[in-house]
């Protein structure tokens, strides 16, 4: 049986998804699953995943910048100054699926 691109992307992401601690239930993966907020991937894990993604699916890497999804927090030397949360773009499994189908990174 030939696996669909969606299935292949899920298989690539699965090792990064982890499991729930107490019942060892696998985390559910859907196209709307966010790699940062839902799976909790840090920048290095996301870079590792994306390197595998681009190689596995032969997707053109041009236009992909990890900084769009993991921006550097501003440095403040004032410990009393409250920093504003940084707004980041969605970084979902659906984006990987659509880009794998297109053969290039489709998002800014």
Protein backbone atom coordinates (compact mmCIF):
# COMPACT_ATOMS: atom_id res chain seq x y z
CA UNK A 1 0.00 0.00 0.00
CA UNK A 2 1.33 3.41 -0.96
CA UNK A 3 1.26 5.94 1.86
CA UNK A 4 -0.20 9.37 1.20
CA UNK A 5 1.88 12.49 1.71
CA UNK A 6 -0.24 13.28 4.77
CA UNK A 7 0.59 9.90 6.33
CA UNK A 8 4.27 10.34 5.57
CA UNK A 9 4.34 13.81 7.17
CA UNK A 10 2.59 12.48 10.28
CA UNK A 11 5.17 9.68 10.50
CA UNK A 12 7.98 12.23 10.24
CA UNK A 13 6.47 14.43 12.97
CA UNK A 14 5.40 11.57 15.31
CA UNK A 15 8.81 11.12 17.05
CA UNK A 16 8.76 14.81 17.98
CA UNK A 17 5.23 14.64 19.40
CA UNK A 18 5.97 12.65 22.55
CA UNK A 19 3.32 10.96 24.67
CA UNK A 20 1.20 11.89 27.64
CA UNK A 21 3.16 11.09 30.77
CA UNK A 22 0.68 9.10 32.84
CA UNK A 23 -1.23 7.03 30.32
CA UNK A 24 1.35 6.82 27.51
CA UNK A 25 -1.34 7.81 25.03
CA UNK A 26 0.02 9.21 21.80
CA UNK A 27 -0.59 12.89 21.17
CA UNK A 28 -3.18 13.30 18.41
CA UNK A 29 -1.75 14.88 15.27
CA UNK A 30 -3.99 16.86 12.92
CA UNK A 31 -3.34 19.44 10.19
CA UNK A 32 -4.03 22.20 12.74
CA UNK A 33 -1.51 20.86 15.28
CA UNK A 34 0.99 23.67 15.93
CA UNK A 35 4.59 22.52 16.24
CA UNK A 36 5.39 25.20 18.80
CA UNK A 37 2.32 25.68 20.96
CA UNK A 38 0.74 22.21 20.71
CA UNK A 39 3.82 19.98 20.54
CA UNK A 40 6.13 22.27 22.48
CA UNK A 41 9.05 21.96 20.08
CA UNK A 42 11.87 24.34 20.81
CA UNK A 43 13.83 26.03 18.04
CA UNK A 44 16.51 23.33 17.80
CA UNK A 45 13.95 20.52 17.61
CA UNK A 46 12.01 22.42 14.95
CA UNK A 47 15.19 23.00 12.92
CA UNK A 48 16.00 19.29 13.13
CA UNK A 49 12.47 18.36 12.04
CA UNK A 50 12.51 20.82 9.16
CA UNK A 51 15.91 19.61 7.92
CA UNK A 52 14.47 16.08 7.78
CA UNK A 53 11.29 17.41 6.17
CA UNK A 54 13.10 19.23 3.34
CA UNK A 55 15.32 16.20 2.64
CA UNK A 56 12.61 13.54 2.94
CA UNK A 57 10.07 15.28 0.71
CA UNK A 58 12.57 17.02 -1.58
CA UNK A 59 10.96 20.37 -0.79
CA UNK A 60 12.74 23.55 -1.91
CA UNK A 61 13.90 25.35 1.23
CA UNK A 62 13.90 28.86 -0.26
CA UNK A 63 11.70 31.23 1.68
CA UNK A 64 11.75 29.20 4.90
CA UNK A 65 13.15 31.06 7.89
CA UNK A 66 12.94 29.46 11.34
CA UNK A 67 13.03 32.99 12.80
CA UNK A 68 9.49 33.56 11.47
CA UNK A 69 8.25 30.92 13.92
CA UNK A 70 10.84 31.27 16.71
CA UNK A 71 11.76 34.97 16.91
CA UNK A 72 14.43 36.12 19.33
CA UNK A 73 12.98 37.71 22.44
CA UNK A 74 14.06 41.31 23.03
CA UNK A 75 16.68 41.69 25.73
CA UNK A 76 15.85 43.94 28.63
CA UNK A 77 18.36 44.76 31.34
CA UNK A 78 15.64 46.20 33.54
CA UNK A 79 14.34 43.38 35.79
CA UNK A 80 11.22 45.41 36.62
CA UNK A 81 10.18 46.01 33.04
CA UNK A 82 7.49 43.68 31.84
CA UNK A 83 8.18 42.35 28.36
CA UNK A 84 5.37 42.12 25.86
CA UNK A 85 4.61 38.68 24.44
CA UNK A 86 5.96 38.13 20.95
CA UNK A 87 3.37 37.36 18.30
CA UNK A 88 4.45 34.44 16.14
CA UNK A 89 3.00 32.95 12.99
CA UNK A 90 1.26 29.59 13.06
CA UNK A 91 3.60 26.69 12.33
CA UNK A 92 1.33 23.71 11.71
CA UNK A 93 1.50 20.19 10.37
CA UNK A 94 -0.92 21.31 7.64
CA UNK A 95 1.73 23.75 6.42
CA UNK A 96 4.17 20.86 6.06
CA UNK A 97 1.60 18.74 4.22
CA UNK A 98 0.71 21.49 1.74
CA UNK A 99 4.37 22.38 1.13
CA UNK A 100 5.27 18.71 0.60
CA UNK A 101 2.53 18.46 -2.02
CA UNK A 102 3.75 21.65 -3.74
CA UNK A 103 7.45 20.76 -3.57
CA UNK A 104 8.37 24.14 -2.08
CA UNK A 105 7.84 26.06 1.15
CA UNK A 106 4.59 27.97 0.66
CA UNK A 107 4.63 30.24 3.70
CA UNK A 108 6.49 33.37 4.85
